[in-house]
């Protein structure tokens, strides 16, 4: 019997030198503005609608803002700046 070989490719970038501090955790979502960065994949809007409803109803978030970006590209600086300026926390959201 011929032995089969599995080749695994690692598409990750090499680590960048330096340290990146983590953001402080929110004690609660009560009254907070939550941002979602959606990559425009199919069905992501449905997932984000369910998530938004839960954050508002169950956890008392003040509002949820969804920013849509194009699949396969980085979020434009102005989108990121908008989220940073207007949100207490941000969720990177997907679809499919």
N, C-alpha and C. Protein backbone atom coordinates (compact mmCIF):
# COMPACT_ATOMS: atom_id res chain seq x y z
N UNK A 1 0.84 -1.18 0.00
CA UNK A 1 0.00 0.00 0.00
C UNK A 1 0.89 1.24 0.00
N UNK A 2 0.55 2.19 -0.87
CA UNK A 2 1.34 3.42 -0.98
C UNK A 2 0.96 4.38 0.14
N UNK A 3 1.95 4.93 0.80
CA UNK A 3 1.72 5.88 1.88
C UNK A 3 1.34 7.24 1.30
N UNK A 4 0.29 7.86 1.86
CA UNK A 4 -0.13 9.18 1.40
C UNK A 4 0.47 10.25 2.29
N UNK A 5 0.70 11.39 1.72
CA UNK A 5 1.31 12.48 2.46
C UNK A 5 0.36 13.66 2.49
N UNK A 6 0.24 14.27 3.64
CA UNK A 6 -0.59 15.45 3.82
C UNK A 6 0.33 16.65 4.01
N UNK A 7 0.15 17.66 3.15
CA UNK A 7 0.96 18.87 3.25
C UNK A 7 0.08 19.96 3.86
N UNK A 8 0.56 20.55 4.94
CA UNK A 8 -0.17 21.62 5.62
C UNK A 8 0.56 22.93 5.36
N UNK A 9 -0.19 23.91 4.84
CA UNK A 9 0.38 25.22 4.58
C UNK A 9 -0.03 26.17 5.70
N UNK A 10 0.87 27.00 6.11
CA UNK A 10 0.62 27.96 7.17
C UNK A 10 0.63 29.37 6.56
N UNK A 11 -0.56 29.96 6.36
CA UNK A 11 -0.61 31.27 5.70
C UNK A 11 -0.43 32.46 6.65
N UNK A 12 -0.08 32.22 7.88
CA UNK A 12 0.03 33.31 8.85
C UNK A 12 1.31 34.11 8.63
N UNK A 13 1.25 35.34 9.04
CA UNK A 13 2.42 36.21 8.96
C UNK A 13 3.36 35.90 10.11
N UNK A 14 4.60 36.30 9.93
CA UNK A 14 5.56 36.18 11.02
C UNK A 14 5.20 37.17 12.11
N UNK A 15 5.46 36.84 13.37
CA UNK A 15 5.15 37.77 14.46
C UNK A 15 5.91 39.09 14.29
N UNK A 16 5.24 40.16 14.61
CA UNK A 16 5.88 41.47 14.56
C UNK A 16 6.47 41.77 15.94
N UNK A 17 7.67 42.31 15.97
CA UNK A 17 8.26 42.61 17.27
C UNK A 17 7.48 43.71 17.98
N UNK A 18 7.49 43.66 19.29
CA UNK A 18 6.82 44.69 20.08
C UNK A 18 5.67 44.08 20.88
N UNK A 19 5.12 44.87 21.72
CA UNK A 19 4.00 44.42 22.52
C UNK A 19 2.78 45.25 22.20
N UNK A 20 1.65 44.63 22.28
CA UNK A 20 0.39 45.29 22.01
C UNK A 20 -0.52 45.07 23.22
N UNK A 21 -0.74 46.11 24.01
CA UNK A 21 -1.55 45.93 25.21
C UNK A 21 -3.01 45.63 24.87
N UNK A 22 -3.62 44.80 25.68
CA UNK A 22 -5.04 44.50 25.52
C UNK A 22 -5.87 45.65 26.06
N UNK A 23 -7.01 45.87 25.46
CA UNK A 23 -7.93 46.90 25.95
C UNK A 23 -8.50 46.45 27.29
N UNK A 24 -8.83 47.41 28.13
CA UNK A 24 -9.45 47.06 29.40
C UNK A 24 -10.82 46.47 29.15
N UNK A 25 -11.18 45.47 29.94
CA UNK A 25 -12.50 44.84 29.83
C UNK A 25 -13.56 45.76 30.39
N UNK A 26 -14.72 45.74 29.78
CA UNK A 26 -15.86 46.48 30.32
C UNK A 26 -16.44 45.68 31.47
N UNK A 27 -16.81 46.35 32.53
CA UNK A 27 -17.42 45.66 33.65
C UNK A 27 -18.82 45.15 33.32
N UNK A 28 -19.48 45.86 32.41
CA UNK A 28 -20.85 45.54 32.02
C UNK A 28 -21.11 46.16 30.66
N UNK A 29 -22.11 45.65 29.97
CA UNK A 29 -22.52 46.25 28.69
C UNK A 29 -23.66 47.24 28.89
N UNK A 30 -24.14 47.35 30.10
CA UNK A 30 -25.25 48.26 30.44
C UNK A 30 -24.92 49.68 30.00
N UNK A 31 -25.77 50.23 29.10
CA UNK A 31 -25.61 51.61 28.65
C UNK A 31 -24.45 51.85 27.70
N UNK A 32 -23.81 50.80 27.23
CA UNK A 32 -22.64 50.94 26.35
C UNK A 32 -23.06 50.92 24.88
N UNK A 33 -22.25 51.58 24.07
CA UNK A 33 -22.43 51.56 22.62
C UNK A 33 -21.47 50.50 22.06
N UNK A 34 -22.03 49.54 21.34
CA UNK A 34 -21.25 48.43 20.80
C UNK A 34 -21.18 48.58 19.28
N UNK A 35 -19.99 48.45 18.74
CA UNK A 35 -19.79 48.49 17.30
C UNK A 35 -19.51 47.10 16.77
N UNK A 36 -19.99 46.82 15.58
CA UNK A 36 -19.72 45.55 14.92
C UNK A 36 -19.10 45.83 13.56
N UNK A 37 -18.00 45.21 13.27
CA UNK A 37 -17.32 45.36 11.99
C UNK A 37 -17.61 44.11 11.18
N UNK A 38 -18.50 44.23 10.19
CA UNK A 38 -18.97 43.09 9.40
C UNK A 38 -18.24 43.05 8.08
N UNK A 39 -17.77 41.87 7.67
CA UNK A 39 -17.00 41.73 6.43
C UNK A 39 -17.87 41.53 5.19
N UNK A 40 -19.18 41.72 5.29
CA UNK A 40 -20.13 41.64 4.17
C UNK A 40 -20.38 40.24 3.64
N UNK A 41 -19.91 39.21 4.34
CA UNK A 41 -20.19 37.85 3.89
C UNK A 41 -21.67 37.56 4.05
N UNK A 42 -22.21 36.65 3.22
CA UNK A 42 -23.63 36.32 3.28
C UNK A 42 -24.06 35.85 4.67
N UNK A 43 -25.23 36.26 5.04
CA UNK A 43 -25.90 35.88 6.30
C UNK A 43 -25.30 36.55 7.54
N UNK A 44 -24.24 37.31 7.38
CA UNK A 44 -23.68 38.03 8.51
C UNK A 44 -24.67 39.02 9.08
N UNK A 45 -25.50 39.62 8.20
CA UNK A 45 -26.50 40.57 8.67
C UNK A 45 -27.51 39.90 9.59
N UNK A 46 -27.86 38.65 9.30
CA UNK A 46 -28.80 37.92 10.14
C UNK A 46 -28.20 37.61 11.51
N UNK A 47 -26.94 37.20 11.50
CA UNK A 47 -26.25 36.91 12.75
C UNK A 47 -26.14 38.18 13.59
N UNK A 48 -25.77 39.29 12.94
CA UNK A 48 -25.62 40.55 13.66
C UNK A 48 -26.95 41.08 14.18
N UNK A 49 -28.05 40.82 13.48
CA UNK A 49 -29.36 41.23 13.97
C UNK A 49 -29.68 40.46 15.26
N UNK A 50 -29.44 39.16 15.27
CA UNK A 50 -29.66 38.37 16.48
C UNK A 50 -28.76 38.83 17.62
N UNK A 51 -27.49 39.08 17.30
CA UNK A 51 -26.54 39.55 18.30
C UNK A 51 -26.96 40.91 18.85
N UNK A 52 -27.34 41.82 17.97
CA UNK A 52 -27.76 43.15 18.39
C UNK A 52 -28.97 43.08 19.32
N UNK A 53 -29.96 42.28 18.94
CA UNK A 53 -31.15 42.12 19.79
C UNK A 53 -30.78 41.61 21.17
N UNK A 54 -29.88 40.65 21.22
CA UNK A 54 -29.46 40.08 22.51
C UNK A 54 -28.69 41.11 23.34
N UNK A 55 -27.78 41.84 22.71
CA UNK A 55 -27.01 42.85 23.44
C UNK A 55 -27.90 43.95 24.00
N UNK A 56 -28.91 44.34 23.25
CA UNK A 56 -29.83 45.38 23.69
C UNK A 56 -30.78 44.88 24.77
N UNK A 57 -31.42 43.75 24.52
CA UNK A 57 -32.46 43.24 25.43
C UNK A 57 -31.91 42.59 26.70
N UNK A 58 -30.93 41.72 26.54
CA UNK A 58 -30.45 40.94 27.68
C UNK A 58 -29.35 41.64 28.47
N UNK A 59 -28.46 42.37 27.76
CA UNK A 59 -27.31 42.95 28.43
C UNK A 59 -27.38 44.46 28.60
N UNK A 60 -28.46 45.08 28.12
CA UNK A 60 -28.69 46.50 28.36
C UNK A 60 -27.81 47.46 27.61
N UNK A 61 -27.25 47.01 26.47
CA UNK A 61 -26.45 47.93 25.67
C UNK A 61 -27.32 49.10 25.22
N UNK A 62 -26.72 50.25 25.10
CA UNK A 62 -27.45 51.45 24.68
C UNK A 62 -27.81 51.37 23.20
N UNK A 63 -26.84 50.99 22.38
CA UNK A 63 -27.08 50.84 20.94
C UNK A 63 -26.00 49.97 20.33
N UNK A 64 -26.29 49.48 19.13
CA UNK A 64 -25.34 48.66 18.39
C UNK A 64 -25.21 49.25 16.98
N UNK A 65 -23.99 49.55 16.57
CA UNK A 65 -23.72 50.10 15.25
C UNK A 65 -22.97 49.07 14.42
N UNK A 66 -23.46 48.81 13.20
CA UNK A 66 -22.80 47.86 12.31
C UNK A 66 -22.11 48.64 11.19
N UNK A 67 -20.81 48.41 11.04
CA UNK A 67 -20.03 48.99 9.95
C UNK A 67 -19.72 47.87 8.97
N UNK A 68 -20.06 48.06 7.72
CA UNK A 68 -19.85 47.06 6.69
C UNK A 68 -18.59 47.38 5.90
N UNK A 69 -17.77 46.36 5.66
CA UNK A 69 -16.57 46.52 4.83
C UNK A 69 -16.60 45.47 3.72
N UNK A 70 -15.75 45.62 2.75
CA UNK A 70 -15.71 44.70 1.61
C UNK A 70 -14.89 43.46 1.97
N UNK A 71 -15.41 42.31 1.58
CA UNK A 71 -14.72 41.04 1.84
C UNK A 71 -13.31 41.09 1.26
N UNK A 72 -12.35 40.62 2.02
CA UNK A 72 -10.99 40.49 1.54
C UNK A 72 -10.15 41.76 1.58
N UNK A 73 -10.71 42.82 2.13
CA UNK A 73 -9.91 44.04 2.24
C UNK A 73 -9.90 44.49 3.68
N UNK A 74 -8.92 45.27 4.01
CA UNK A 74 -8.85 45.83 5.35
C UNK A 74 -9.90 46.93 5.48
N UNK A 75 -10.36 47.11 6.68
CA UNK A 75 -11.31 48.19 6.93
C UNK A 75 -10.61 49.52 6.69
N UNK A 76 -11.27 50.43 5.98
CA UNK A 76 -10.66 51.75 5.77
C UNK A 76 -10.43 52.46 7.10
N UNK A 77 -9.41 53.28 7.15
CA UNK A 77 -9.05 53.99 8.38
C UNK A 77 -10.22 54.79 8.94
N UNK A 78 -11.01 55.42 8.05
CA UNK A 78 -12.14 56.23 8.53
C UNK A 78 -13.21 55.37 9.21
N UNK A 79 -13.39 54.13 8.77
CA UNK A 79 -14.34 53.22 9.42
C UNK A 79 -13.82 52.88 10.82
N UNK A 80 -12.55 52.55 10.92
CA UNK A 80 -11.96 52.22 12.22
C UNK A 80 -12.00 53.43 13.16
N UNK A 81 -11.67 54.60 12.64
CA UNK A 81 -11.71 55.82 13.46
C UNK A 81 -13.13 56.09 13.96
N UNK A 82 -14.12 55.86 13.11
CA UNK A 82 -15.52 56.04 13.51
C UNK A 82 -15.89 55.10 14.66
N UNK A 83 -15.50 53.84 14.54
CA UNK A 83 -15.78 52.87 15.61
C UNK A 83 -15.08 53.26 16.90
N UNK A 84 -13.82 53.66 16.79
CA UNK A 84 -13.05 54.06 17.97
C UNK A 84 -13.68 55.26 18.66
N UNK A 85 -14.11 56.23 17.88
CA UNK A 85 -14.66 57.48 18.43
C UNK A 85 -16.05 57.31 19.04
N UNK A 86 -16.84 56.37 18.50
CA UNK A 86 -18.25 56.31 18.88
C UNK A 86 -18.66 55.08 19.69
N UNK A 87 -17.76 54.14 19.90
CA UNK A 87 -18.14 52.89 20.55
C UNK A 87 -17.32 52.61 21.80
N UNK A 88 -17.97 51.96 22.76
CA UNK A 88 -17.28 51.53 23.97
C UNK A 88 -16.57 50.19 23.77
N UNK A 89 -17.09 49.39 22.84
CA UNK A 89 -16.49 48.08 22.52
C UNK A 89 -16.82 47.76 21.07
N UNK A 90 -15.97 46.95 20.43
CA UNK A 90 -16.18 46.58 19.04
C UNK A 90 -16.03 45.07 18.89
N UNK A 91 -16.91 44.51 18.07
CA UNK A 91 -16.88 43.07 17.76
C UNK A 91 -16.55 42.93 16.28
N UNK A 92 -15.56 42.11 15.95
CA UNK A 92 -15.29 41.80 14.55
C UNK A 92 -16.23 40.67 14.17
N UNK A 93 -17.13 40.94 13.22
CA UNK A 93 -18.18 39.98 12.88
C UNK A 93 -17.96 39.40 11.49
N UNK A 94 -18.43 38.18 11.29
CA UNK A 94 -18.28 37.47 10.04
C UNK A 94 -19.64 37.08 9.49
N UNK A 95 -19.63 36.24 8.51
CA UNK A 95 -20.87 35.71 7.94
C UNK A 95 -20.62 34.31 7.41
N UNK A 96 -21.57 33.83 6.60
CA UNK A 96 -21.56 32.50 6.00
C UNK A 96 -22.14 31.54 6.94
